Amino acid sequence: MSEPRVPGGRGAVLDLPCGEQKRVRELDLGKREFDCPCGDAHAVVMDVHPADRFLPEFLVEVLQGTIETTSEDMPEFGTAHLMGIVLEEFPKAVVSEDVSDDGEVGAGIVWVTDFDSRRLHEIIVELVVELMEHAVSHASDDGAITEFEEKMLQFDVSEFVEQYRAQRDLDPGPYA
């Protein structure tokens, strides 16, 4: 017998970018991706996950000190803002759900992407680098701009993600 989809009745169901569905309550706080019946792995991010899941703490601190947010609910730059950037760039590849009224989930917002967790990590790093390049381009110091551009030519996003995930001990399994 199928169960009705009513508020509070077994929680939210996400319509995934691949066309499948996933019940939010099946996603625990430690899960970073899951294997979908469509054959792909999808990354899972929750607002309670720290931004340093994707970026070094020092960079998160710089972003928090530099970027002014306009949200009273999220006054400090963090994971929700990172996912907002991804959602803006890839609107058809990310679904989200406000689950703040569901006490069994343990998070306020859940995002599921069409990418696996490693590819999402790379995308976030790429987008933050673009954000930094844009900010530096407005600097009045031509030397700083040139130095930043030279360093970015040497920066390998894939290698960074590989090393960062190894350092953070994020194994490539379903909890990565």
N, C-alpha and C. Protein backbone atom coordinates (compact mmCIF):
# COMPACT_ATOMS: atom_id res chain seq x y z
N MET A 1 0.84 -1.18 0.00
CA MET A 1 0.00 0.00 0.00
C MET A 1 0.88 1.24 0.00
N SER A 2 0.63 2.16 -0.89
CA SER A 2 1.44 3.37 -0.94
C SER A 2 1.04 4.31 0.18
N GLU A 3 2.00 5.13 0.59
CA GLU A 3 1.76 6.07 1.68
C GLU A 3 1.53 7.45 1.11
N PRO A 4 0.54 8.17 1.64
CA PRO A 4 0.27 9.51 1.12
C PRO A 4 1.41 10.46 1.44
N ARG A 5 1.62 11.44 0.56
CA ARG A 5 2.65 12.45 0.79
C ARG A 5 1.98 13.67 1.41
N VAL A 6 1.95 13.66 2.71
CA VAL A 6 1.37 14.79 3.43
C VAL A 6 2.44 15.34 4.36
N PRO A 7 2.34 16.62 4.70
CA PRO A 7 3.33 17.18 5.63
C PRO A 7 3.42 16.35 6.89
N GLY A 8 4.63 16.01 7.25
CA GLY A 8 4.86 15.20 8.44
C GLY A 8 4.68 13.72 8.20
N GLY A 9 4.21 13.31 7.03
CA GLY A 9 3.98 11.90 6.73
C GLY A 9 5.17 11.28 6.05
N ARG A 10 6.14 10.87 6.79
CA ARG A 10 7.36 10.20 6.29
C ARG A 10 8.37 11.14 5.67
N GLY A 11 8.18 12.42 5.73
CA GLY A 11 9.18 13.38 5.28
C GLY A 11 9.14 13.66 3.79
N ALA A 12 9.97 14.62 3.42
CA ALA A 12 10.03 15.11 2.05
C ALA A 12 10.63 14.07 1.11
N VAL A 13 10.17 14.13 -0.13
CA VAL A 13 10.71 13.29 -1.20
C VAL A 13 11.29 14.23 -2.24
N LEU A 14 12.55 14.01 -2.59
CA LEU A 14 13.22 14.83 -3.59
C LEU A 14 13.04 14.23 -4.98
N ASP A 15 12.70 15.06 -5.94
CA ASP A 15 12.71 14.67 -7.34
C ASP A 15 14.11 14.98 -7.85
N LEU A 16 14.92 13.95 -8.03
CA LEU A 16 16.32 14.12 -8.40
C LEU A 16 16.48 14.58 -9.85
N PRO A 17 17.60 15.23 -10.16
CA PRO A 17 17.85 15.68 -11.53
C PRO A 17 17.80 14.55 -12.56
N CYS A 18 18.11 13.33 -12.11
CA CYS A 18 18.13 12.18 -13.03
C CYS A 18 16.74 11.62 -13.30
N GLY A 19 15.73 12.11 -12.56
CA GLY A 19 14.37 11.62 -12.74
C GLY A 19 13.91 10.67 -11.65
N GLU A 20 14.83 10.15 -10.86
CA GLU A 20 14.48 9.27 -9.75
C GLU A 20 14.00 10.10 -8.57
N GLN A 21 13.54 9.44 -7.53
CA GLN A 21 13.14 10.11 -6.30
C GLN A 21 13.92 9.54 -5.12
N LYS A 22 14.10 10.38 -4.11
CA LYS A 22 14.82 9.95 -2.90
C LYS A 22 14.14 10.58 -1.70
N ARG A 23 13.82 9.76 -0.72
CA ARG A 23 13.24 10.24 0.52
C ARG A 23 14.35 10.88 1.36
N VAL A 24 14.14 12.12 1.79
CA VAL A 24 15.16 12.86 2.53
C VAL A 24 15.58 12.12 3.79
N ARG A 25 14.65 11.48 4.45
CA ARG A 25 14.97 10.77 5.70
C ARG A 25 15.91 9.59 5.49
N GLU A 26 16.13 9.18 4.26
CA GLU A 26 17.09 8.12 3.96
C GLU A 26 18.52 8.66 3.91
N LEU A 27 18.67 9.98 4.00
CA LEU A 27 19.99 10.61 3.92
C LEU A 27 20.42 10.99 5.33
N ASP A 28 21.38 10.27 5.88
CA ASP A 28 21.82 10.63 7.22
C ASP A 28 22.91 11.69 7.15
N LEU A 29 23.21 12.29 8.29
CA LEU A 29 24.16 13.41 8.34
C LEU A 29 25.55 13.04 7.84
N GLY A 30 25.95 11.79 7.95
CA GLY A 30 27.28 11.39 7.53
C GLY A 30 27.38 11.04 6.06
N LYS A 31 26.26 10.90 5.41
CA LYS A 31 26.27 10.49 4.00
C LYS A 31 26.69 11.66 3.11
N ARG A 32 27.68 11.43 2.25
CA ARG A 32 28.16 12.46 1.34
C ARG A 32 27.73 12.21 -0.09
N GLU A 33 27.33 10.96 -0.38
CA GLU A 33 26.79 10.63 -1.69
C GLU A 33 26.07 9.30 -1.55
N PHE A 34 25.27 8.98 -2.54
CA PHE A 34 24.59 7.69 -2.54
C PHE A 34 24.51 7.19 -3.97
N ASP A 35 24.45 5.87 -4.10
CA ASP A 35 24.28 5.25 -5.40
C ASP A 35 22.79 5.22 -5.71
N CYS A 36 22.46 5.71 -6.87
CA CYS A 36 21.07 5.88 -7.28
C CYS A 36 20.67 4.74 -8.22
N PRO A 37 19.39 4.38 -8.24
CA PRO A 37 18.93 3.38 -9.20
C PRO A 37 19.19 3.77 -10.66
N CYS A 38 19.43 5.06 -10.94
CA CYS A 38 19.72 5.49 -12.31
C CYS A 38 21.10 5.02 -12.76
N GLY A 39 21.92 4.55 -11.80
CA GLY A 39 23.26 4.07 -12.12
C GLY A 39 24.37 5.03 -11.73
N ASP A 40 24.04 6.25 -11.37
CA ASP A 40 25.03 7.25 -10.99
C ASP A 40 25.06 7.43 -9.47
N ALA A 41 26.12 8.04 -9.00
CA ALA A 41 26.21 8.45 -7.60
C ALA A 41 25.86 9.94 -7.55
N HIS A 42 25.12 10.34 -6.53
CA HIS A 42 24.73 11.73 -6.35
C HIS A 42 25.28 12.25 -5.04
N ALA A 43 25.89 13.44 -5.07
CA ALA A 43 26.40 14.06 -3.86
C ALA A 43 25.26 14.56 -3.00
N VAL A 44 25.46 14.49 -1.69
CA VAL A 44 24.51 14.99 -0.71
C VAL A 44 25.22 16.02 0.14
N VAL A 45 24.59 17.18 0.31
CA VAL A 45 25.14 18.22 1.17
C VAL A 45 24.01 18.72 2.06
N MET A 46 24.34 18.95 3.30
CA MET A 46 23.37 19.51 4.24
C MET A 46 23.94 20.79 4.82
N ASP A 47 23.05 21.71 5.20
CA ASP A 47 23.51 22.99 5.71
C ASP A 47 24.34 22.84 6.98
N VAL A 48 24.21 21.73 7.68
CA VAL A 48 25.00 21.52 8.90
C VAL A 48 26.42 21.05 8.60
N HIS A 49 26.68 20.68 7.35
CA HIS A 49 28.06 20.30 6.98
C HIS A 49 28.89 21.57 6.93
N PRO A 50 30.07 21.56 7.52
CA PRO A 50 30.91 22.77 7.51
C PRO A 50 31.50 23.02 6.12
N ALA A 51 31.73 24.29 5.82
CA ALA A 51 32.31 24.66 4.52
C ALA A 51 33.70 24.07 4.35
N ASP A 52 34.38 23.77 5.47
CA ASP A 52 35.72 23.19 5.33
C ASP A 52 35.67 21.73 4.87
N ARG A 53 34.49 21.23 4.60
CA ARG A 53 34.37 19.94 3.90
C ARG A 53 34.98 20.08 2.52
N PHE A 54 34.90 21.29 1.95
CA PHE A 54 35.36 21.53 0.58
C PHE A 54 36.61 22.40 0.51
N LEU A 55 36.80 23.29 1.48
CA LEU A 55 37.88 24.27 1.43
C LEU A 55 38.64 24.28 2.75
N PRO A 56 39.94 24.59 2.70
CA PRO A 56 40.71 24.66 3.95
C PRO A 56 40.13 25.71 4.90
N GLU A 57 40.26 25.45 6.19
CA GLU A 57 39.71 26.34 7.21
C GLU A 57 40.17 27.79 7.04
N PHE A 58 41.46 27.99 6.72
CA PHE A 58 41.95 29.36 6.58
C PHE A 58 41.22 30.09 5.46
N LEU A 59 40.91 29.40 4.37
CA LEU A 59 40.20 30.02 3.25
C LEU A 59 38.75 30.30 3.62
N VAL A 60 38.13 29.39 4.34
CA VAL A 60 36.76 29.62 4.81
C VAL A 60 36.73 30.87 5.69
N GLU A 61 37.74 31.01 6.58
CA GLU A 61 37.81 32.18 7.45
C GLU A 61 37.98 33.47 6.63
N VAL A 62 38.82 33.42 5.59
CA VAL A 62 39.01 34.59 4.72
C VAL A 62 37.69 34.94 4.03
N LEU A 63 37.00 33.94 3.50
CA LEU A 63 35.73 34.18 2.82
C LEU A 63 34.69 34.74 3.79
N GLN A 64 34.66 34.20 5.00
CA GLN A 64 33.71 34.68 6.00
C GLN A 64 34.00 36.13 6.38
N GLY A 65 35.27 36.49 6.44
CA GLY A 65 35.64 37.85 6.79
C GLY A 65 35.51 38.84 5.65
N THR A 66 35.46 38.33 4.43
CA THR A 66 35.45 39.19 3.25
C THR A 66 34.06 39.35 2.63
N ILE A 67 33.31 38.28 2.59
CA ILE A 67 32.03 38.28 1.89
C ILE A 67 30.91 38.65 2.86
N GLU A 68 30.19 39.69 2.51
CA GLU A 68 29.05 40.10 3.31
C GLU A 68 27.82 39.39 2.78
N THR A 69 27.09 38.73 3.68
CA THR A 69 25.86 38.07 3.26
C THR A 69 24.68 38.97 3.58
N THR A 70 23.59 38.70 2.92
CA THR A 70 22.39 39.51 3.14
C THR A 70 21.31 38.74 3.89
N SER A 71 21.62 37.55 4.33
CA SER A 71 20.64 36.72 4.99
C SER A 71 20.75 36.81 6.51
N GLU A 72 19.63 37.08 7.16
CA GLU A 72 19.62 37.07 8.62
C GLU A 72 19.72 35.65 9.15
N ASP A 73 19.17 34.69 8.40
CA ASP A 73 19.22 33.29 8.82
C ASP A 73 20.62 32.71 8.70
N MET A 74 21.40 33.19 7.73
CA MET A 74 22.75 32.70 7.50
C MET A 74 23.69 33.89 7.35
N PRO A 75 24.00 34.57 8.46
CA PRO A 75 24.77 35.80 8.38
C PRO A 75 26.25 35.61 8.02
N GLU A 76 26.74 34.38 8.14
CA GLU A 76 28.15 34.10 7.87
C GLU A 76 28.27 33.20 6.66
N PHE A 77 29.21 33.53 5.77
CA PHE A 77 29.43 32.73 4.57
C PHE A 77 29.72 31.28 4.97
N GLY A 78 29.04 30.34 4.33
CA GLY A 78 29.24 28.93 4.67
C GLY A 78 28.74 28.01 3.58
N THR A 79 28.43 26.80 3.99
CA THR A 79 28.02 25.76 3.05
C THR A 79 26.81 26.16 2.23
N ALA A 80 25.82 26.79 2.85
CA ALA A 80 24.62 27.19 2.10
C ALA A 80 24.98 28.16 0.98
N HIS A 81 25.93 29.03 1.22
CA HIS A 81 26.35 29.98 0.19
C HIS A 81 27.13 29.28 -0.92
N LEU A 82 27.97 28.32 -0.55
CA LEU A 82 28.69 27.53 -1.56
C LEU A 82 27.70 26.80 -2.46
N MET A 83 26.69 26.19 -1.84
CA MET A 83 25.71 25.46 -2.63
C MET A 83 24.85 26.42 -3.46
N GLY A 84 24.64 27.63 -2.97
CA GLY A 84 23.92 28.63 -3.75
C GLY A 84 24.68 28.99 -5.02
N ILE A 85 25.99 29.07 -4.91
CA ILE A 85 26.83 29.35 -6.08
C ILE A 85 26.73 28.20 -7.08
N VAL A 86 26.78 26.96 -6.58
CA VAL A 86 26.66 25.79 -7.45
C VAL A 86 25.28 25.78 -8.11
N LEU A 87 24.25 26.03 -7.33
CA LEU A 87 22.88 26.03 -7.85
C LEU A 87 22.70 27.10 -8.92
N GLU A 88 23.33 28.25 -8.71
CA GLU A 88 23.24 29.32 -9.71
C GLU A 88 23.91 28.92 -11.02
N GLU A 89 25.03 28.23 -10.92
CA GLU A 89 25.79 27.83 -12.10
C GLU A 89 25.19 26.60 -12.80
N PHE A 90 24.59 25.70 -12.00
CA PHE A 90 24.05 24.44 -12.52
C PHE A 90 22.62 24.23 -12.02
N PRO A 91 21.69 25.08 -12.42
CA PRO A 91 20.34 25.03 -11.86
C PRO A 91 19.58 23.72 -12.11
N LYS A 92 19.89 23.03 -13.18
CA LYS A 92 19.18 21.78 -13.48
C LYS A 92 19.86 20.56 -12.88
N ALA A 93 21.02 20.76 -12.26
CA ALA A 93 21.79 19.64 -11.72
C ALA A 93 21.75 19.57 -10.20
N VAL A 94 20.98 20.46 -9.57
CA VAL A 94 20.92 20.48 -8.11
C VAL A 94 19.46 20.61 -7.68
N VAL A 95 19.06 19.78 -6.73
CA VAL A 95 17.75 19.94 -6.10
C VAL A 95 17.99 20.20 -4.62
N SER A 96 17.10 20.97 -4.03
CA SER A 96 17.23 21.26 -2.60
C SER A 96 15.86 21.18 -1.95
N GLU A 97 15.91 21.03 -0.65
CA GLU A 97 14.67 20.95 0.12
C GLU A 97 14.89 21.56 1.48
N ASP A 98 13.98 22.42 1.88
CA ASP A 98 13.99 22.97 3.23
C ASP A 98 13.30 21.95 4.13
N VAL A 99 14.06 21.34 5.00
CA VAL A 99 13.53 20.30 5.90
C VAL A 99 13.61 20.75 7.35
N SER A 100 13.67 22.05 7.56
CA SER A 100 13.83 22.57 8.91
C SER A 100 12.66 22.23 9.83
N ASP A 101 11.49 21.91 9.27
CA ASP A 101 10.35 21.53 10.09
C ASP A 101 10.30 20.04 10.40
N ASP A 102 11.22 19.28 9.84
CA ASP A 102 11.25 17.83 10.05
C ASP A 102 12.32 17.50 11.08
N GLY A 103 11.92 17.28 12.30
CA GLY A 103 12.86 17.02 13.40
C GLY A 103 13.64 15.73 13.29
N GLU A 104 13.28 14.85 12.37
CA GLU A 104 13.99 13.58 12.23
C GLU A 104 15.18 13.66 11.27
N VAL A 105 15.32 14.77 10.55
CA VAL A 105 16.39 14.87 9.55
C VAL A 105 17.70 15.35 10.16
N GLY A 106 17.66 16.34 11.03
CA GLY A 106 18.87 16.85 11.66
C GLY A 106 19.55 17.96 10.88
N ALA A 107 18.89 18.45 9.84
CA ALA A 107 19.44 19.54 9.03
C ALA A 107 18.28 20.47 8.66
N GLY A 108 18.63 21.65 8.19
CA GLY A 108 17.62 22.60 7.76
C GLY A 108 17.40 22.56 6.26
N ILE A 109 18.49 22.42 5.51
CA ILE A 109 18.42 22.37 4.05
C ILE A 109 19.25 21.19 3.57
N VAL A 110 18.73 20.49 2.59
CA VAL A 110 19.42 19.35 1.98
C VAL A 110 19.52 19.62 0.48
N TRP A 111 20.71 19.39 -0.07
CA TRP A 111 20.94 19.49 -1.52
C TRP A 111 21.39 18.13 -2.02
N VAL A 112 20.92 17.75 -3.19
CA VAL A 112 21.39 16.56 -3.88
C VAL A 112 21.73 17.00 -5.29
N THR A 113 22.91 16.57 -5.75
CA THR A 113 23.37 17.00 -7.08
C THR A 113 23.39 15.84 -8.06
N ASP A 114 23.44 16.20 -9.31
CA ASP A 114 23.58 15.21 -10.37
C ASP A 114 25.03 14.70 -10.45
N PHE A 115 25.93 15.32 -9.68
CA PHE A 115 27.35 14.95 -9.68
C PHE A 115 27.63 14.06 -8.47
N ASP A 116 28.70 13.28 -8.55
CA ASP A 116 29.13 12.56 -7.36
C ASP A 116 29.86 13.54 -6.44
N SER A 117 30.21 13.10 -5.25
CA SER A 117 30.78 14.02 -4.26
C SER A 117 32.14 14.59 -4.69
N ARG A 118 32.93 13.80 -5.38
CA ARG A 118 34.23 14.31 -5.83
C ARG A 118 34.06 15.40 -6.88
N ARG A 119 33.19 15.17 -7.86
CA ARG A 119 32.97 16.18 -8.90
C ARG A 119 32.37 17.45 -8.30
N LEU A 120 31.45 17.30 -7.35
CA LEU A 120 30.90 18.48 -6.68
C LEU A 120 32.02 19.24 -5.98
N HIS A 121 32.92 18.53 -5.33
CA HIS A 121 34.05 19.17 -4.65
C HIS A 121 34.88 19.98 -5.65
N GLU A 122 35.17 19.39 -6.79
CA GLU A 122 35.93 20.10 -7.83
C GLU A 122 35.18 21.34 -8.31
N ILE A 123 33.89 21.22 -8.52
CA ILE A 123 33.09 22.35 -8.99
C ILE A 123 33.13 23.48 -7.97
N ILE A 124 32.99 23.15 -6.70
CA ILE A 124 33.02 24.20 -5.66
C ILE A 124 34.36 24.90 -5.67
N VAL A 125 35.45 24.16 -5.75
CA VAL A 125 36.78 24.78 -5.77
C VAL A 125 36.91 25.67 -7.01
N GLU A 126 36.48 25.17 -8.17
CA GLU A 126 36.55 25.98 -9.40
C GLU A 126 35.77 27.28 -9.25
N LEU A 127 34.56 27.21 -8.69
CA LEU A 127 33.73 28.39 -8.55
C LEU A 127 34.31 29.39 -7.53
N VAL A 128 34.91 28.88 -6.47
CA VAL A 128 35.54 29.77 -5.48
C VAL A 128 36.76 30.44 -6.10
N VAL A 129 37.53 29.72 -6.89
CA VAL A 129 38.68 30.32 -7.58
C VAL A 129 38.18 31.43 -8.51
N GLU A 130 37.09 31.18 -9.25
CA GLU A 130 36.52 32.23 -10.12
C GLU A 130 36.10 33.44 -9.30
N LEU A 131 35.49 33.20 -8.15
CA LEU A 131 35.08 34.28 -7.26
C LEU A 131 36.29 35.09 -6.79
N MET A 132 37.36 34.40 -6.45
CA MET A 132 38.59 35.06 -6.02
C MET A 132 39.22 35.83 -7.17
N GLU A 133 39.23 35.25 -8.36
CA GLU A 133 39.78 35.95 -9.53
C GLU A 133 39.01 37.24 -9.79
N HIS A 134 37.71 37.17 -9.67
CA HIS A 134 36.88 38.36 -9.87
C HIS A 134 37.21 39.42 -8.83
N ALA A 135 37.34 39.01 -7.58
CA ALA A 135 37.66 39.96 -6.51
C ALA A 135 39.02 40.59 -6.72
N VAL A 136 40.01 39.78 -7.08
CA VAL A 136 41.37 40.30 -7.28
C VAL A 136 41.41 41.24 -8.48
N SER A 137 40.58 40.99 -9.49
CA SER A 137 40.59 41.85 -10.68
C SER A 137 40.17 43.28 -10.35
N HIS A 138 39.53 43.47 -9.22
CA HIS A 138 39.12 44.82 -8.79
C HIS A 138 40.16 45.49 -7.90
N ALA A 139 41.25 44.80 -7.64
CA ALA A 139 42.30 45.37 -6.80
C ALA A 139 43.02 46.48 -7.57
N SER A 140 43.53 47.43 -6.82
CA SER A 140 44.26 48.53 -7.46
C SER A 140 45.75 48.22 -7.60
N ASP A 141 46.16 47.07 -7.12
CA ASP A 141 47.56 46.67 -7.16
C ASP A 141 47.79 45.71 -8.34
N ASP A 142 48.36 46.24 -9.43
CA ASP A 142 48.61 45.41 -10.62
C ASP A 142 49.53 44.24 -10.33
N GLY A 143 50.47 44.43 -9.42
CA GLY A 143 51.39 43.36 -9.06
C GLY A 143 50.65 42.20 -8.40
N ALA A 144 49.71 42.52 -7.52
CA ALA A 144 48.93 41.48 -6.85
C ALA A 144 48.06 40.72 -7.86
N ILE A 145 47.52 41.46 -8.81
CA ILE A 145 46.69 40.83 -9.84
C ILE A 145 47.53 39.87 -10.67
N THR A 146 48.69 40.31 -11.10
CA THR A 146 49.58 39.48 -11.91
C THR A 146 50.04 38.25 -11.13
N GLU A 147 50.43 38.46 -9.88
CA GLU A 147 50.89 37.34 -9.04
C GLU A 147 49.78 36.31 -8.87
N PHE A 148 48.57 36.78 -8.59
CA PHE A 148 47.44 35.86 -8.42
C PHE A 148 47.19 35.07 -9.70
N GLU A 149 47.17 35.75 -10.83
CA GLU A 149 46.93 35.09 -12.11
C GLU A 149 48.00 34.04 -12.41
N GLU A 150 49.27 34.36 -12.09
CA GLU A 150 50.35 33.40 -12.31
C GLU A 150 50.18 32.17 -11.43
N LYS A 151 49.80 32.39 -10.17
CA LYS A 151 49.61 31.26 -9.26
C LYS A 151 48.43 30.39 -9.69
N MET A 152 47.39 31.03 -10.22
CA MET A 152 46.22 30.27 -10.66
C MET A 152 46.52 29.44 -11.90
N LEU A 153 47.47 29.88 -12.72
CA LEU A 153 47.87 29.08 -13.88
C LEU A 153 48.53 27.78 -13.44
N GLN A 154 49.16 27.80 -12.27
CA GLN A 154 49.84 26.62 -11.74
C GLN A 154 48.92 25.75 -10.88
N PHE A 155 47.75 26.27 -10.52
CA PHE A 155 46.84 25.58 -9.62
C PHE A 155 46.06 24.51 -10.37
N ASP A 156 46.15 23.28 -9.90
CA ASP A 156 45.44 22.15 -10.49
C ASP A 156 44.30 21.76 -9.56
N VAL A 157 43.08 22.07 -9.95
CA VAL A 157 41.91 21.82 -9.11
C VAL A 157 41.80 20.34 -8.75
N SER A 158 41.95 19.48 -9.74
CA SER A 158 41.83 18.04 -9.51
C SER A 158 42.85 17.53 -8.50
N GLU A 159 44.08 17.99 -8.64
CA GLU A 159 45.14 17.60 -7.71
C GLU A 159 44.86 18.14 -6.31
N PHE A 160 44.40 19.39 -6.23
CA PHE A 160 44.06 19.97 -4.94
C PHE A 160 42.99 19.13 -4.24
N VAL A 161 41.92 18.81 -4.98
CA VAL A 161 40.82 18.02 -4.41
C VAL A 161 41.32 16.66 -3.96
N GLU A 162 42.14 16.03 -4.78
CA GLU A 162 42.72 14.73 -4.42
C GLU A 162 43.48 14.81 -3.10
N GLN A 163 44.37 15.79 -2.99
CA GLN A 163 45.17 15.94 -1.78
C GLN A 163 44.32 16.34 -0.58
N TYR A 164 43.37 17.24 -0.79
CA TYR A 164 42.53 17.70 0.32
C TYR A 164 41.67 16.56 0.85
N ARG A 165 41.10 15.77 -0.05
CA ARG A 165 40.28 14.64 0.38
C ARG A 165 41.12 13.59 1.09
N ALA A 166 42.34 13.37 0.63
CA ALA A 166 43.23 12.42 1.31
C ALA A 166 43.60 12.94 2.69
N GLN A 167 43.90 14.22 2.78
CA GLN A 167 44.25 14.84 4.06
C GLN A 167 43.07 14.78 5.03
N ARG A 168 41.88 15.01 4.52
CA ARG A 168 40.67 14.99 5.35
C ARG A 168 40.18 13.57 5.58
N ASP A 169 40.83 12.60 4.92
CA ASP A 169 40.47 11.19 5.06
C ASP A 169 39.09 10.91 4.50
N LEU A 170 38.73 11.57 3.42
CA LEU A 170 37.46 11.32 2.78
C LEU A 170 37.63 10.21 1.75
N ASP A 171 37.30 9.00 2.15
CA ASP A 171 37.47 7.91 1.21
C ASP A 171 36.41 8.01 0.12
N PRO A 172 36.68 7.43 -1.04
CA PRO A 172 35.78 7.61 -2.17
C PRO A 172 34.47 6.83 -2.06
N GLY A 173 34.23 6.19 -0.94
CA GLY A 173 33.00 5.41 -0.76
C GLY A 173 31.77 6.29 -0.62
N PRO A 174 30.67 5.69 -0.23
CA PRO A 174 29.40 6.42 -0.17
C PRO A 174 29.37 7.53 0.86
N TYR A 175 30.32 7.56 1.77
CA TYR A 175 30.32 8.60 2.78
C TYR A 175 31.36 9.69 2.48
N ALA A 176 31.89 9.74 1.27
CA ALA A 176 32.92 10.72 0.89
C ALA A 176 32.32 12.07 0.64
